[in-house]
Every structure is written in C-alpha cells, then in structure tokens.
Amino acid sequence: MPNVILDPTGRAGAATRPSAARFELAPRRPEPGGLRVGLLNNTKHNAALLLAEIGDLLAADHSMSVTIAETKPNFAAPAPADLVERFRQECDAVITGVGDCGSCSASAVADGIVFEQAGMPAAVICSDAFAVTADAMAAMRGARGYQYILTEHPVAVLDADQVRQRAKRLAPEVVAMLTQPGVLNPDPGGRPSGTAR
C-alpha cells in the first residue's frame, strides 16, 4: 500500500489552492463587541486550552462570543473546505493555532489565509521558533507579509496555569488582529517575539 504524503501548502486540492488574484485581507469591524468568533485548534498539545482561554477572555472583556470551536483533522494539512464553510456560516472571525512546530506553523498560516480569502479576519498564533516557516508559507500562498501573532516557544510543555497566563498576554493582540485594519507587512523579518508579524 502506498504511503500518503501530505502537502502542507494545500496546492494538491483545488478547494484550498491559492487564487491568482492579488491577496487581500478580509475587512475588519473596528469594535469587538458582538463579534462572533470561531476557534480552530490544530491538535497540538495545549492548543485547545489556549484558544479556549483566549475565547473566555474575549467574551468577558470585549463582549465577543465563541460560536464554534473545532479541531482540525490533521495539524499539518490546511483546513478542509467544508470546515472553512462551517466557520464562514457560524462566525465573523477566526482564531487558530497553535503553530508550535514547523509543519503546523506553516499549516496555521495557510489556514489563516484561507479564512481571510473566505471573508473572515483571522488571528493565527505561532511560536517564535518557526517564524521562518510561517513566513515562507505566506509567501508561497501569495500573501507575503501576512501578519500573525508570535508567542514564545514552546507552548506544548506549559502547564494549565502557564497556558492561562499566556492567553492573558496574547488576548490584546488577538483583539487587535481581528479589529484593526489589516495590512501586509512588506518586511516580515526582524520583529521580536510577542508581536504580530
């Protein structure tokens, strides 16, 4: 039986193939209140907990609501088209991650780009050790300079209290990523850990 090789760029499937058109970010609402947010975790250890904690903070502090929380079927492959469509129907914006290794960072950025192309602002969370991989994926998908949120590597080894503390630090960046007018960073390299890039 032949081995299956996953292409994390998503170029093997027409549904997630990057468009030849110029990439543009989804429009943002300037105020977070009332925003329906979807959470997509990629199966990496602590991803679901981190996203859930961020979702709770956004609900408590910004009157946002989490309307869908799902797990990707495979951390190294882009989200399937039917899952993207469910998010499009049930939420206004998406938080996804955690890119805590090379392939999952690339895949998380690919997911963010797909959600943006479907009209949903996306906040992608990646650990700082894999920014090069994440940037390479953005360029490969026609979105050079795509911004995402960096956090200290690793996330998988944190205990529950450390995950909660990490969520508190990341929540303001998530709000900014989902509400401020999006721009592509022309020089994605060189930003310090803990900042959007």
C-alpha atoms as a PDB file:
ATOM      1  CA  MET A   1       0.000   0.000   0.000  1.00  0.00           C
ATOM      2  CA  PRO A   2       1.498   3.389  -0.950  1.00  0.00           C
ATOM      3  CA  ASN A   3       2.255   5.996   1.707  1.00  0.00           C
ATOM      4  CA  VAL A   4       0.209   9.179   1.739  1.00  0.00           C
ATOM      5  CA  ILE A   5       2.270  12.354   1.515  1.00  0.00           C
ATOM      6  CA  LEU A   6       0.610  15.486   2.839  1.00  0.00           C
ATOM      7  CA  ASP A   7       1.280  18.780   1.097  1.00  0.00           C
ATOM      8  CA  PRO A   8       1.005  21.496   3.809  1.00  0.00           C
ATOM      9  CA  THR A   9       0.778  24.204   1.128  1.00  0.00           C
ATOM     10  CA  GLY A  10      -2.647  22.934   0.125  1.00  0.00           C
ATOM     11  CA  ARG A  11      -1.731  23.051  -3.545  1.00  0.00           C
ATOM     12  CA  ALA A  12      -2.816  19.460  -4.079  1.00  0.00           C
ATOM     13  CA  GLY A  13      -6.510  20.314  -3.502  1.00  0.00           C
ATOM     14  CA  ALA A  14      -8.367  22.732  -5.728  1.00  0.00           C
ATOM     15  CA  ALA A  15     -10.553  23.964  -2.857  1.00  0.00           C
ATOM     16  CA  THR A  16      -7.572  25.382  -0.954  1.00  0.00           C
ATOM     17  CA  ARG A  17      -5.429  26.316  -3.947  1.00  0.00           C
ATOM     18  CA  PRO A  18      -4.292  29.941  -3.753  1.00  0.00           C
ATOM     19  CA  SER A  19      -6.014  32.300  -6.130  1.00  0.00           C
ATOM     20  CA  ALA A  20      -4.076  34.010  -8.891  1.00  0.00           C
ATOM     21  CA  ALA A  21      -5.728  37.288  -7.839  1.00  0.00           C
ATOM     22  CA  ARG A  22      -3.907  39.690  -5.534  1.00  0.00           C
ATOM     23  CA  PHE A  23      -4.324  38.628  -1.902  1.00  0.00           C
ATOM     24  CA  GLU A  24      -6.330  40.981   0.289  1.00  0.00           C
ATOM     25  CA  LEU A  25      -7.210  40.661   3.940  1.00  0.00           C
ATOM     26  CA  ALA A  26     -10.843  40.359   4.988  1.00  0.00           C
ATOM     27  CA  PRO A  27     -12.436  43.605   6.171  1.00  0.00           C
ATOM     28  CA  ARG A  28     -12.356  44.232   9.905  1.00  0.00           C
ATOM     29  CA  ARG A  29     -15.019  45.664  12.195  1.00  0.00           C
ATOM     30  CA  PRO A  30     -13.493  48.464  14.277  1.00  0.00           C
ATOM     31  CA  GLU A  31     -15.254  47.437  17.500  1.00  0.00           C
ATOM     32  CA  PRO A  32     -15.019  43.928  19.016  1.00  0.00           C
ATOM     33  CA  GLY A  33     -18.404  43.988  20.753  1.00  0.00           C
ATOM     34  CA  GLY A  34     -20.818  41.449  19.294  1.00  0.00           C
ATOM     35  CA  LEU A  35     -18.167  39.777  17.145  1.00  0.00           C
ATOM     36  CA  ARG A  36     -18.851  36.038  16.742  1.00  0.00           C
ATOM     37  CA  VAL A  37     -15.540  34.177  16.950  1.00  0.00           C
ATOM     38  CA  GLY A  38     -14.630  30.667  15.873  1.00  0.00           C
ATOM     39  CA  LEU A  39     -11.756  28.703  17.419  1.00  0.00           C
ATOM     40  CA  LEU A  40      -9.837  26.190  15.309  1.00  0.00           C
ATOM     41  CA  ASN A  41      -7.222  24.186  17.160  1.00  0.00           C
ATOM     42  CA  ASN A  42      -4.748  22.073  15.258  1.00  0.00           C
ATOM     43  CA  THR A  43      -4.479  19.133  17.719  1.00  0.00           C
ATOM     44  CA  LYS A  44      -1.132  20.263  19.125  1.00  0.00           C
ATOM     45  CA  HIS A  45      -0.853  19.860  22.892  1.00  0.00           C
ATOM     46  CA  ASN A  46      -2.305  22.908  24.714  1.00  0.00           C
ATOM     47  CA  ALA A  47      -3.768  24.423  21.531  1.00  0.00           C
ATOM     48  CA  ALA A  48      -7.396  23.783  22.522  1.00  0.00           C
ATOM     49  CA  LEU A  49      -6.822  25.065  26.062  1.00  0.00           C
ATOM     50  CA  LEU A  50      -5.006  28.208  24.913  1.00  0.00           C
ATOM     51  CA  LEU A  51      -7.694  29.075  22.368  1.00  0.00           C
ATOM     52  CA  ALA A  52     -10.494  28.374  24.865  1.00  0.00           C
ATOM     53  CA  GLU A  53      -8.846  30.625  27.454  1.00  0.00           C
ATOM     54  CA  ILE A  54      -8.465  33.399  24.883  1.00  0.00           C
ATOM     55  CA  GLY A  55     -12.104  32.930  23.874  1.00  0.00           C
ATOM     56  CA  ASP A  56     -13.201  33.277  27.511  1.00  0.00           C
ATOM     57  CA  LEU A  57     -11.179  36.481  27.891  1.00  0.00           C
ATOM     58  CA  LEU A  58     -12.619  37.974  24.704  1.00  0.00           C
ATOM     59  CA  ALA A  59     -16.138  37.193  25.913  1.00  0.00           C
ATOM     60  CA  ALA A  60     -15.541  38.656  29.382  1.00  0.00           C
ATOM     61  CA  ASP A  61     -13.567  41.743  28.368  1.00  0.00           C
ATOM     62  CA  HIS A  62     -14.873  42.610  24.890  1.00  0.00           C
ATOM     63  CA  SER A  63     -18.415  41.182  24.608  1.00  0.00           C
ATOM     64  CA  MET A  64     -17.348  38.778  21.889  1.00  0.00           C
ATOM     65  CA  SER A  65     -18.864  35.298  21.712  1.00  0.00           C
ATOM     66  CA  VAL A  66     -17.368  31.971  20.717  1.00  0.00           C
ATOM     67  CA  THR A  67     -19.873  30.371  18.369  1.00  0.00           C
ATOM     68  CA  ILE A  68     -17.853  27.416  17.082  1.00  0.00           C
ATOM     69  CA  ALA A  69     -14.825  25.525  18.414  1.00  0.00           C
ATOM     70  CA  GLU A  70     -13.426  22.751  16.253  1.00  0.00           C
ATOM     71  CA  THR A  71     -10.334  20.597  15.899  1.00  0.00           C
ATOM     72  CA  LYS A  72      -8.612  20.191  12.560  1.00  0.00           C
ATOM     73  CA  PRO A  73      -8.484  16.630  11.280  1.00  0.00           C
ATOM     74  CA  ASN A  74      -4.735  16.944  10.632  1.00  0.00           C
ATOM     75  CA  PHE A  75      -2.329  19.533  12.074  1.00  0.00           C
ATOM     76  CA  ALA A  76      -0.058  19.512   9.017  1.00  0.00           C
ATOM     77  CA  ALA A  77      -2.710  19.955   6.324  1.00  0.00           C
ATOM     78  CA  PRO A  78      -4.842  23.023   5.635  1.00  0.00           C
ATOM     79  CA  ALA A  79      -8.388  23.073   6.975  1.00  0.00           C
ATOM     80  CA  PRO A  80     -10.721  21.246   4.576  1.00  0.00           C
ATOM     81  CA  ALA A  81     -13.149  23.328   2.525  1.00  0.00           C
ATOM     82  CA  ASP A  82     -16.244  22.013   4.340  1.00  0.00           C
ATOM     83  CA  LEU A  83     -14.791  23.068   7.701  1.00  0.00           C
ATOM     84  CA  VAL A  84     -13.944  26.532   6.364  1.00  0.00           C
ATOM     85  CA  GLU A  85     -17.520  26.839   5.095  1.00  0.00           C
ATOM     86  CA  ARG A  86     -18.927  25.902   8.528  1.00  0.00           C
ATOM     87  CA  PHE A  87     -16.840  28.641  10.100  1.00  0.00           C
ATOM     88  CA  ARG A  88     -17.971  31.103   7.438  1.00  0.00           C
ATOM     89  CA  GLN A  89     -21.595  30.368   8.267  1.00  0.00           C
ATOM     90  CA  GLU A  90     -21.232  30.433  12.055  1.00  0.00           C
ATOM     91  CA  CYS A  91     -18.742  33.180  12.872  1.00  0.00           C
ATOM     92  CA  ASP A  92     -17.370  36.576  11.862  1.00  0.00           C
ATOM     93  CA  ALA A  93     -13.708  35.956  12.702  1.00  0.00           C
ATOM     94  CA  VAL A  94     -11.383  33.053  13.494  1.00  0.00           C
ATOM     95  CA  ILE A  95      -8.574  32.364  15.945  1.00  0.00           C
ATOM     96  CA  THR A  96      -6.369  29.432  15.000  1.00  0.00           C
ATOM     97  CA  GLY A  97      -3.172  27.716  16.100  1.00  0.00           C
ATOM     98  CA  VAL A  98      -1.008  26.860  17.734  1.00  0.00           C
ATOM     99  CA  GLY A  99       1.889  26.717  15.326  1.00  0.00           C
ATOM    100  CA  ASP A 100       4.319  25.015  17.696  1.00  0.00           C
ATOM    101  CA  CYS A 101       6.369  23.112  15.113  1.00  0.00           C
ATOM    102  CA  GLY A 102       7.469  23.726  11.527  1.00  0.00           C
ATOM    103  CA  SER A 103       4.677  21.966   9.651  1.00  0.00           C
ATOM    104  CA  CYS A 104       1.896  23.114  11.976  1.00  0.00           C
ATOM    105  CA  SER A 105       3.118  26.742  11.827  1.00  0.00           C
ATOM    106  CA  ALA A 106       3.046  26.627   8.040  1.00  0.00           C
ATOM    107  CA  SER A 107      -0.372  24.995   8.083  1.00  0.00           C
ATOM    108  CA  ALA A 108      -1.777  27.505  10.615  1.00  0.00           C
ATOM    109  CA  VAL A 109      -0.708  30.395   8.390  1.00  0.00           C
ATOM    110  CA  ALA A 110      -2.220  28.640   5.367  1.00  0.00           C
ATOM    111  CA  ASP A 111      -5.475  28.321   7.329  1.00  0.00           C
ATOM    112  CA  GLY A 112      -5.431  31.997   8.257  1.00  0.00           C
ATOM    113  CA  ILE A 113      -5.003  32.943   4.616  1.00  0.00           C
ATOM    114  CA  VAL A 114      -7.868  30.660   3.553  1.00  0.00           C
ATOM    115  CA  PHE A 115     -10.164  32.176   6.206  1.00  0.00           C
ATOM    116  CA  GLU A 116      -9.206  35.692   5.093  1.00  0.00           C
ATOM    117  CA  GLN A 117      -9.999  34.750   1.493  1.00  0.00           C
ATOM    118  CA  ALA A 118     -13.394  33.463   2.702  1.00  0.00           C
ATOM    119  CA  GLY A 119     -14.110  36.892   4.218  1.00  0.00           C
ATOM    120  CA  MET A 120     -13.244  36.212   7.867  1.00  0.00           C
ATOM    121  CA  PRO A 121     -10.494  38.083   9.730  1.00  0.00           C
ATOM    122  CA  ALA A 122      -8.115  35.553  11.240  1.00  0.00           C
ATOM    123  CA  ALA A 123      -5.726  35.693  14.178  1.00  0.00           C
ATOM    124  CA  VAL A 124      -3.104  32.980  13.726  1.00  0.00           C
ATOM    125  CA  ILE A 125      -0.889  32.093  16.698  1.00  0.00           C
ATOM    126  CA  CYS A 126       2.574  30.624  16.060  1.00  0.00           C
ATOM    127  CA  SER A 127       5.545  30.084  18.325  1.00  0.00           C
ATOM    128  CA  ASP A 128       8.543  32.287  17.588  1.00  0.00           C
ATOM    129  CA  ALA A 129      10.857  29.380  16.775  1.00  0.00           C
ATOM    130  CA  PHE A 130       9.017  28.778  13.494  1.00  0.00           C
ATOM    131  CA  ALA A 131       8.505  32.269  12.117  1.00  0.00           C
ATOM    132  CA  VAL A 132      10.670  31.472   9.099  1.00  0.00           C
ATOM    133  CA  THR A 133       8.443  28.531   8.188  1.00  0.00           C
ATOM    134  CA  ALA A 134       5.284  30.591   8.709  1.00  0.00           C
ATOM    135  CA  ASP A 135       6.633  33.443   6.556  1.00  0.00           C
ATOM    136  CA  ALA A 136       7.647  31.016   3.814  1.00  0.00           C
ATOM    137  CA  MET A 137       4.122  29.588   3.713  1.00  0.00           C
ATOM    138  CA  ALA A 138       2.591  33.057   3.471  1.00  0.00           C
ATOM    139  CA  ALA A 139       4.860  33.895   0.532  1.00  0.00           C
ATOM    140  CA  MET A 140       4.122  30.562  -1.137  1.00  0.00           C
ATOM    141  CA  ARG A 141       0.380  31.236  -0.893  1.00  0.00           C
ATOM    142  CA  GLY A 142       0.677  34.687  -2.449  1.00  0.00           C
ATOM    143  CA  ALA A 143       0.354  36.595   0.838  1.00  0.00           C
ATOM    144  CA  ARG A 144       3.929  37.719   1.526  1.00  0.00           C
ATOM    145  CA  GLY A 145       3.974  39.774   4.719  1.00  0.00           C
ATOM    146  CA  TYR A 146       0.843  38.117   6.140  1.00  0.00           C
ATOM    147  CA  GLN A 147       0.709  39.063   9.811  1.00  0.00           C
ATOM    148  CA  TYR A 148       0.231  36.569  12.608  1.00  0.00           C
ATOM    149  CA  ILE A 149       0.832  36.553  16.344  1.00  0.00           C
ATOM    150  CA  LEU A 150       4.078  35.253  17.779  1.00  0.00           C
ATOM    151  CA  THR A 151       4.377  33.662  21.182  1.00  0.00           C
ATOM    152  CA  GLU A 152       7.341  32.161  22.991  1.00  0.00           C
ATOM    153  CA  HIS A 153       8.287  28.603  22.048  1.00  0.00           C
ATOM    154  CA  PRO A 154       7.254  26.060  23.180  1.00  0.00           C
ATOM    155  CA  VAL A 155       3.567  26.054  24.034  1.00  0.00           C
ATOM    156  CA  ALA A 156       3.108  22.286  24.317  1.00  0.00           C
ATOM    157  CA  VAL A 157       5.090  21.947  27.579  1.00  0.00           C
ATOM    158  CA  LEU A 158       3.187  24.588  29.551  1.00  0.00           C
ATOM    159  CA  ASP A 159       1.005  23.577  32.485  1.00  0.00           C
ATOM    160  CA  ALA A 160      -2.586  24.829  32.734  1.00  0.00           C
ATOM    161  CA  ASP A 161      -1.709  27.920  34.803  1.00  0.00           C
ATOM    162  CA  GLN A 162       1.041  28.867  32.370  1.00  0.00           C
ATOM    163  CA  VAL A 163      -1.390  28.480  29.465  1.00  0.00           C
ATOM    164  CA  ARG A 164      -3.834  30.834  31.210  1.00  0.00           C
ATOM    165  CA  GLN A 165      -1.075  33.401  31.719  1.00  0.00           C
ATOM    166  CA  ARG A 166      -0.035  33.067  28.092  1.00  0.00           C
ATOM    167  CA  ALA A 167      -3.660  33.585  26.998  1.00  0.00           C
ATOM    168  CA  LYS A 168      -3.848  36.819  29.033  1.00  0.00           C
ATOM    169  CA  ARG A 169      -0.752  38.142  27.281  1.00  0.00           C
ATOM    170  CA  LEU A 170      -1.993  37.164  23.828  1.00  0.00           C
ATOM    171  CA  ALA A 171      -5.640  38.281  24.108  1.00  0.00           C
ATOM    172  CA  PRO A 172      -4.982  42.002  23.391  1.00  0.00           C
ATOM    173  CA  GLU A 173      -3.017  41.077  20.259  1.00  0.00           C
ATOM    174  CA  VAL A 174      -5.831  38.803  19.129  1.00  0.00           C
ATOM    175  CA  VAL A 175      -8.357  41.628  19.540  1.00  0.00           C
ATOM    176  CA  ALA A 176      -6.114  43.978  17.572  1.00  0.00           C
ATOM    177  CA  MET A 177      -5.589  41.406  14.817  1.00  0.00           C
ATOM    178  CA  LEU A 178      -9.336  40.866  14.435  1.00  0.00           C
ATOM    179  CA  THR A 179     -10.443  44.512  14.591  1.00  0.00           C
ATOM    180  CA  GLN A 180      -7.716  46.820  13.296  1.00  0.00           C
ATOM    181  CA  PRO A 181      -7.455  47.454   9.564  1.00  0.00           C
ATOM    182  CA  GLY A 182      -5.289  44.666   8.211  1.00  0.00           C
ATOM    183  CA  VAL A 183      -2.092  45.334   6.328  1.00  0.00           C
ATOM    184  CA  LEU A 184       0.541  43.093   4.854  1.00  0.00           C
ATOM    185  CA  ASN A 185       3.951  43.726   6.390  1.00  0.00           C
ATOM    186  CA  PRO A 186       6.353  44.371   3.487  1.00  0.00           C
ATOM    187  CA  ASP A 187       9.314  43.222   5.599  1.00  0.00           C
ATOM    188  CA  PRO A 188       8.117  40.217   7.641  1.00  0.00           C
ATOM    189  CA  GLY A 189      11.539  39.539   9.183  1.00  0.00           C
ATOM    190  CA  GLY A 190      13.079  41.070  12.236  1.00  0.00           C
ATOM    191  CA  ARG A 191      10.194  41.549  14.659  1.00  0.00           C
ATOM    192  CA  PRO A 192      10.707  40.477  18.259  1.00  0.00           C
ATOM    193  CA  SER A 193       8.809  37.689  19.966  1.00  0.00           C
ATOM    194  CA  GLY A 194       5.409  38.572  21.335  1.00  0.00           C
ATOM    195  CA  THR A 195       4.427  40.873  18.489  1.00  0.00           C
ATOM    196  CA  ALA A 196       2.339  40.426  15.404  1.00  0.00           C
ATOM    197  CA  ARG A 197       4.420  39.832  12.329  1.00  0.00           C
END
